[in-house]
């Protein structure tokens, strides 16, 4: 969270000529009315996380995800299999043409999907840098930003498990330069 995954995935996909698939966007789509994720949340919690129009109350659900382990695990049990299935389906579509796919998965190691991918890139930024970005982006308190970060494996541990690391604590130009070099390396 807040490390710069979306920027990196987007630019890397563009440089490689690959489509980019974002697991967070898949989750958002699955939580639209009548979609499987929406139905799963409704079955599990009734109207608790819904607004009067029948839409998921995203701020309420987000707050519960970071405050209540049982809610987080319940939502993960609903969404993760659906997201994984969609990622694998889209990857299978690319396989016959040998086209690549850049997949942005925020909780890759937490959900154990690391063996499903050919190359893993972790975007790294220091914890306080990430927290500051979360606070600015999501307009939440420092405590909420830190709480969100605490629900994930540390970026240091993820970086040690990656095939490549993009360091994104400094100037944007240096991050972009690293992404260009990685794309060149991956093209072979």
C-alpha atoms as a PDB file:
ATOM      1  CA  UNK A   1       0.000   0.000   0.000  1.00  0.00           C
ATOM      2  CA  UNK A   2       1.308   3.369  -1.000  1.00  0.00           C
ATOM      3  CA  UNK A   3       4.512   1.971  -2.487  1.00  0.00           C
ATOM      4  CA  UNK A   4       3.677   2.765  -6.113  1.00  0.00           C
ATOM      5  CA  UNK A   5       2.499  -0.577  -7.524  1.00  0.00           C
ATOM      6  CA  UNK A   6      -0.002   0.950  -9.936  1.00  0.00           C
ATOM      7  CA  UNK A   7       2.494   3.385 -11.434  1.00  0.00           C
ATOM      8  CA  UNK A   8       5.034   0.600 -11.858  1.00  0.00           C
ATOM      9  CA  UNK A   9       2.586  -1.943 -13.280  1.00  0.00           C
ATOM     10  CA  UNK A  10       1.144   0.587 -15.718  1.00  0.00           C
ATOM     11  CA  UNK A  11       4.491   1.763 -17.052  1.00  0.00           C
ATOM     12  CA  UNK A  12       5.967  -1.739 -17.155  1.00  0.00           C
ATOM     13  CA  UNK A  13       2.955  -3.003 -19.099  1.00  0.00           C
ATOM     14  CA  UNK A  14       3.231  -0.120 -21.550  1.00  0.00           C
ATOM     15  CA  UNK A  15       6.959  -0.637 -22.087  1.00  0.00           C
ATOM     16  CA  UNK A  16       6.529  -4.385 -22.611  1.00  0.00           C
ATOM     17  CA  UNK A  17       3.406  -4.017 -24.740  1.00  0.00           C
ATOM     18  CA  UNK A  18       1.432  -6.147 -22.266  1.00  0.00           C
ATOM     19  CA  UNK A  19      -2.049  -5.668 -20.867  1.00  0.00           C
ATOM     20  CA  UNK A  20      -2.159  -4.746 -17.179  1.00  0.00           C
ATOM     21  CA  UNK A  21      -4.596  -6.459 -14.846  1.00  0.00           C
ATOM     22  CA  UNK A  22      -5.172  -4.920 -11.403  1.00  0.00           C
ATOM     23  CA  UNK A  23      -6.506  -7.251  -8.693  1.00  0.00           C
ATOM     24  CA  UNK A  24      -7.946  -4.261  -6.793  1.00  0.00           C
ATOM     25  CA  UNK A  25     -10.009  -3.258  -9.825  1.00  0.00           C
ATOM     26  CA  UNK A  26     -11.206  -6.847 -10.165  1.00  0.00           C
ATOM     27  CA  UNK A  27     -12.308  -6.699  -6.509  1.00  0.00           C
ATOM     28  CA  UNK A  28     -14.142  -3.410  -7.083  1.00  0.00           C
ATOM     29  CA  UNK A  29     -15.924  -4.903 -10.081  1.00  0.00           C
ATOM     30  CA  UNK A  30     -16.867  -8.014  -8.121  1.00  0.00           C
ATOM     31  CA  UNK A  31     -18.456  -5.783  -5.466  1.00  0.00           C
ATOM     32  CA  UNK A  32     -20.777  -4.061  -7.933  1.00  0.00           C
ATOM     33  CA  UNK A  33     -24.502  -4.798  -7.467  1.00  0.00           C
ATOM     34  CA  UNK A  34     -25.489  -8.351  -8.341  1.00  0.00           C
ATOM     35  CA  UNK A  35     -21.878  -9.413  -8.999  1.00  0.00           C
ATOM     36  CA  UNK A  36     -20.560 -12.510  -7.157  1.00  0.00           C
ATOM     37  CA  UNK A  37     -18.597 -10.518  -4.541  1.00  0.00           C
ATOM     38  CA  UNK A  38     -21.578  -8.287  -3.814  1.00  0.00           C
ATOM     39  CA  UNK A  39     -23.771 -11.369  -3.443  1.00  0.00           C
ATOM     40  CA  UNK A  40     -21.232 -13.005  -1.124  1.00  0.00           C
ATOM     41  CA  UNK A  41     -21.071  -9.946   1.152  1.00  0.00           C
ATOM     42  CA  UNK A  42     -24.865  -9.774   1.233  1.00  0.00           C
ATOM     43  CA  UNK A  43     -25.163 -13.488   2.074  1.00  0.00           C
ATOM     44  CA  UNK A  44     -22.580 -13.236   4.857  1.00  0.00           C
ATOM     45  CA  UNK A  45     -23.549  -9.918   6.491  1.00  0.00           C
ATOM     46  CA  UNK A  46     -27.011  -9.059   5.204  1.00  0.00           C
ATOM     47  CA  UNK A  47     -27.534  -5.316   4.789  1.00  0.00           C
ATOM     48  CA  UNK A  48     -24.730  -4.396   7.234  1.00  0.00           C
ATOM     49  CA  UNK A  49     -22.277  -3.075   4.593  1.00  0.00           C
ATOM     50  CA  UNK A  50     -24.847  -1.678   2.157  1.00  0.00           C
ATOM     51  CA  UNK A  51     -26.201   1.817   1.616  1.00  0.00           C
ATOM     52  CA  UNK A  52     -29.864   2.615   1.038  1.00  0.00           C
ATOM     53  CA  UNK A  53     -29.475   2.201  -2.746  1.00  0.00           C
ATOM     54  CA  UNK A  54     -28.199  -1.355  -2.313  1.00  0.00           C
ATOM     55  CA  UNK A  55     -24.571  -0.568  -3.106  1.00  0.00           C
ATOM     56  CA  UNK A  56     -21.652  -1.634  -0.964  1.00  0.00           C
ATOM     57  CA  UNK A  57     -20.858   1.135   1.527  1.00  0.00           C
ATOM     58  CA  UNK A  58     -17.156   1.220   0.648  1.00  0.00           C
ATOM     59  CA  UNK A  59     -16.006   3.511   3.485  1.00  0.00           C
ATOM     60  CA  UNK A  60     -17.797   1.342   6.082  1.00  0.00           C
ATOM     61  CA  UNK A  61     -16.452  -1.888   4.594  1.00  0.00           C
ATOM     62  CA  UNK A  62     -12.927  -0.474   4.305  1.00  0.00           C
ATOM     63  CA  UNK A  63     -12.987   0.654   7.934  1.00  0.00           C
ATOM     64  CA  UNK A  64     -14.196  -2.796   9.038  1.00  0.00           C
ATOM     65  CA  UNK A  65     -11.545  -4.554   6.933  1.00  0.00           C
ATOM     66  CA  UNK A  66      -8.746  -2.844   8.830  1.00  0.00           C
ATOM     67  CA  UNK A  67     -10.402  -2.975  12.253  1.00  0.00           C
ATOM     68  CA  UNK A  68     -11.920  -6.450  12.356  1.00  0.00           C
ATOM     69  CA  UNK A  69      -9.914  -9.559  11.452  1.00  0.00           C
ATOM     70  CA  UNK A  70     -13.068 -11.642  11.100  1.00  0.00           C
ATOM     71  CA  UNK A  71     -14.549  -9.241   8.533  1.00  0.00           C
ATOM     72  CA  UNK A  72     -11.250  -9.070   6.622  1.00  0.00           C
ATOM     73  CA  UNK A  73     -10.983 -12.860   6.509  1.00  0.00           C
ATOM     74  CA  UNK A  74     -14.618 -13.181   5.460  1.00  0.00           C
ATOM     75  CA  UNK A  75     -14.237 -10.726   2.595  1.00  0.00           C
ATOM     76  CA  UNK A  76     -10.988 -12.400   1.537  1.00  0.00           C
ATOM     77  CA  UNK A  77     -12.713 -15.811   1.500  1.00  0.00           C
ATOM     78  CA  UNK A  78     -15.350 -14.362  -0.811  1.00  0.00           C
ATOM     79  CA  UNK A  79     -13.168 -12.304  -3.163  1.00  0.00           C
ATOM     80  CA  UNK A  80      -9.796 -14.036  -3.401  1.00  0.00           C
ATOM     81  CA  UNK A  81     -10.981 -17.211  -5.162  1.00  0.00           C
ATOM     82  CA  UNK A  82     -12.996 -15.112  -7.626  1.00  0.00           C
ATOM     83  CA  UNK A  83     -10.056 -12.787  -8.353  1.00  0.00           C
ATOM     84  CA  UNK A  84      -7.626 -15.688  -8.709  1.00  0.00           C
ATOM     85  CA  UNK A  85      -9.965 -17.440 -11.134  1.00  0.00           C
ATOM     86  CA  UNK A  86     -10.248 -14.299 -13.284  1.00  0.00           C
ATOM     87  CA  UNK A  87      -6.475 -13.722 -13.320  1.00  0.00           C
ATOM     88  CA  UNK A  88      -5.860 -17.325 -14.386  1.00  0.00           C
ATOM     89  CA  UNK A  89      -8.580 -17.093 -17.045  1.00  0.00           C
ATOM     90  CA  UNK A  90      -7.050 -13.951 -18.556  1.00  0.00           C
ATOM     91  CA  UNK A  91      -3.544 -15.424 -18.437  1.00  0.00           C
ATOM     92  CA  UNK A  92      -4.813 -18.540 -20.254  1.00  0.00           C
ATOM     93  CA  UNK A  93      -6.275 -16.289 -22.970  1.00  0.00           C
ATOM     94  CA  UNK A  94      -2.827 -14.769 -23.529  1.00  0.00           C
ATOM     95  CA  UNK A  95      -0.943 -18.079 -23.578  1.00  0.00           C
ATOM     96  CA  UNK A  96      -1.720 -19.209 -27.184  1.00  0.00           C
ATOM     97  CA  UNK A  97      -0.419 -15.943 -28.641  1.00  0.00           C
ATOM     98  CA  UNK A  98       2.552 -15.841 -26.241  1.00  0.00           C
ATOM     99  CA  UNK A  99       1.397 -12.375 -25.199  1.00  0.00           C
ATOM    100  CA  UNK A 100       2.393 -11.360 -21.710  1.00  0.00           C
ATOM    101  CA  UNK A 101       0.327  -9.914 -18.927  1.00  0.00           C
ATOM    102  CA  UNK A 102       1.369  -7.638 -16.063  1.00  0.00           C
ATOM    103  CA  UNK A 103      -0.736  -8.424 -13.002  1.00  0.00           C
ATOM    104  CA  UNK A 104      -0.850  -6.093 -10.017  1.00  0.00           C
ATOM    105  CA  UNK A 105      -1.609  -8.132  -6.896  1.00  0.00           C
ATOM    106  CA  UNK A 106      -1.271  -6.174  -3.631  1.00  0.00           C
ATOM    107  CA  UNK A 107      -1.489  -9.263  -1.393  1.00  0.00           C
ATOM    108  CA  UNK A 108       0.429 -11.701  -3.588  1.00  0.00           C
ATOM    109  CA  UNK A 109       2.469 -13.326  -0.824  1.00  0.00           C
ATOM    110  CA  UNK A 110      -0.302 -13.089   1.761  1.00  0.00           C
ATOM    111  CA  UNK A 111      -2.629 -15.173  -0.444  1.00  0.00           C
ATOM    112  CA  UNK A 112       0.112 -17.552  -1.605  1.00  0.00           C
ATOM    113  CA  UNK A 113      -0.172 -16.888  -5.348  1.00  0.00           C
ATOM    114  CA  UNK A 114       3.528 -16.205  -5.931  1.00  0.00           C
ATOM    115  CA  UNK A 115       4.047 -19.537  -7.719  1.00  0.00           C
ATOM    116  CA  UNK A 116       1.406 -18.614 -10.312  1.00  0.00           C
ATOM    117  CA  UNK A 117       3.631 -15.976 -11.934  1.00  0.00           C
ATOM    118  CA  UNK A 118       6.796 -16.117 -14.023  1.00  0.00           C
ATOM    119  CA  UNK A 119       8.435 -13.026 -12.543  1.00  0.00           C
ATOM    120  CA  UNK A 120       7.643 -11.147  -9.333  1.00  0.00           C
ATOM    121  CA  UNK A 121       8.393  -7.467  -8.943  1.00  0.00           C
ATOM    122  CA  UNK A 122       7.998  -5.782  -5.575  1.00  0.00           C
ATOM    123  CA  UNK A 123       7.729  -2.013  -5.448  1.00  0.00           C
ATOM    124  CA  UNK A 124       9.460  -0.867  -2.289  1.00  0.00           C
ATOM    125  CA  UNK A 125       9.156   2.337  -0.311  1.00  0.00           C
ATOM    126  CA  UNK A 126       9.884   2.920   3.363  1.00  0.00           C
ATOM    127  CA  UNK A 127       7.006   2.359   5.770  1.00  0.00           C
ATOM    128  CA  UNK A 128       6.579   6.011   6.724  1.00  0.00           C
ATOM    129  CA  UNK A 129       6.684   7.038   3.063  1.00  0.00           C
ATOM    130  CA  UNK A 130       3.903   4.519   2.316  1.00  0.00           C
ATOM    131  CA  UNK A 131       1.850   5.664   5.306  1.00  0.00           C
ATOM    132  CA  UNK A 132       2.128   9.308   4.198  1.00  0.00           C
ATOM    133  CA  UNK A 133       0.980   8.342   0.693  1.00  0.00           C
ATOM    134  CA  UNK A 134      -1.978   6.358   2.072  1.00  0.00           C
ATOM    135  CA  UNK A 135      -2.998   9.310   4.265  1.00  0.00           C
ATOM    136  CA  UNK A 136      -2.881  11.698   1.280  1.00  0.00           C
ATOM    137  CA  UNK A 137      -4.500   9.319  -1.219  1.00  0.00           C
ATOM    138  CA  UNK A 138      -7.279   7.947   0.985  1.00  0.00           C
ATOM    139  CA  UNK A 139      -7.717  11.028   3.199  1.00  0.00           C
ATOM    140  CA  UNK A 140      -7.414   8.995   6.384  1.00  0.00           C
ATOM    141  CA  UNK A 141      -5.614   9.607   9.663  1.00  0.00           C
ATOM    142  CA  UNK A 142      -2.024   8.554  10.326  1.00  0.00           C
ATOM    143  CA  UNK A 143      -3.360   5.877  12.669  1.00  0.00           C
ATOM    144  CA  UNK A 144      -5.640   4.505   9.939  1.00  0.00           C
ATOM    145  CA  UNK A 145      -2.745   4.522   7.466  1.00  0.00           C
ATOM    146  CA  UNK A 146      -0.524   2.640   9.877  1.00  0.00           C
ATOM    147  CA  UNK A 147      -3.329   0.193  10.691  1.00  0.00           C
ATOM    148  CA  UNK A 148      -3.782  -0.521   6.984  1.00  0.00           C
ATOM    149  CA  UNK A 149      -0.047  -1.153   6.554  1.00  0.00           C
ATOM    150  CA  UNK A 150       0.021  -3.482   9.559  1.00  0.00           C
ATOM    151  CA  UNK A 151      -2.387  -5.913   7.871  1.00  0.00           C
ATOM    152  CA  UNK A 152       0.215  -6.864   5.255  1.00  0.00           C
ATOM    153  CA  UNK A 153       3.560  -8.632   5.188  1.00  0.00           C
ATOM    154  CA  UNK A 154       6.305  -5.996   5.414  1.00  0.00           C
ATOM    155  CA  UNK A 155       7.736  -4.653   2.176  1.00  0.00           C
ATOM    156  CA  UNK A 156      11.183  -5.663   3.405  1.00  0.00           C
ATOM    157  CA  UNK A 157      10.112  -9.312   3.568  1.00  0.00           C
ATOM    158  CA  UNK A 158       8.329  -9.086   0.209  1.00  0.00           C
ATOM    159  CA  UNK A 159      11.431  -7.533  -1.379  1.00  0.00           C
ATOM    160  CA  UNK A 160      13.532 -10.464  -0.199  1.00  0.00           C
ATOM    161  CA  UNK A 161      11.120 -12.883  -1.892  1.00  0.00           C
ATOM    162  CA  UNK A 162      10.887 -11.003  -5.209  1.00  0.00           C
ATOM    163  CA  UNK A 163      12.727 -11.581  -8.470  1.00  0.00           C
ATOM    164  CA  UNK A 164      13.137  -7.806  -8.893  1.00  0.00           C
ATOM    165  CA  UNK A 165      12.641  -4.785  -6.655  1.00  0.00           C
ATOM    166  CA  UNK A 166      11.779  -1.262  -7.765  1.00  0.00           C
ATOM    167  CA  UNK A 167      12.809   1.219  -5.060  1.00  0.00           C
ATOM    168  CA  UNK A 168      10.253   4.035  -4.992  1.00  0.00           C
ATOM    169  CA  UNK A 169      11.072   6.170  -1.966  1.00  0.00           C
ATOM    170  CA  UNK A 170      12.933   8.818  -3.919  1.00  0.00           C
ATOM    171  CA  UNK A 171      12.400  11.001  -6.962  1.00  0.00           C
ATOM    172  CA  UNK A 172       9.927   9.768  -9.566  1.00  0.00           C
ATOM    173  CA  UNK A 173      12.573  10.015 -12.291  1.00  0.00           C
ATOM    174  CA  UNK A 174      14.689   7.369 -10.543  1.00  0.00           C
ATOM    175  CA  UNK A 175      11.702   5.057 -10.214  1.00  0.00           C
ATOM    176  CA  UNK A 176      10.904   5.450 -13.909  1.00  0.00           C
ATOM    177  CA  UNK A 177      14.538   4.746 -14.802  1.00  0.00           C
ATOM    178  CA  UNK A 178      14.422   1.497 -12.797  1.00  0.00           C
ATOM    179  CA  UNK A 179      11.214   0.453 -14.560  1.00  0.00           C
ATOM    180  CA  UNK A 180      12.787   1.144 -17.974  1.00  0.00           C
ATOM    181  CA  UNK A 181      15.789  -1.013 -17.054  1.00  0.00           C
ATOM    182  CA  UNK A 182      13.562  -3.807 -15.787  1.00  0.00           C
ATOM    183  CA  UNK A 183      11.479  -3.765 -18.988  1.00  0.00           C
ATOM    184  CA  UNK A 184      14.653  -3.960 -21.057  1.00  0.00           C
ATOM    185  CA  UNK A 185      15.887  -6.895 -18.975  1.00  0.00           C
ATOM    186  CA  UNK A 186      12.559  -8.744 -19.194  1.00  0.00           C
ATOM    187  CA  UNK A 187      12.404  -8.304 -22.968  1.00  0.00           C
ATOM    188  CA  UNK A 188      15.704 -10.206 -23.061  1.00  0.00           C
END
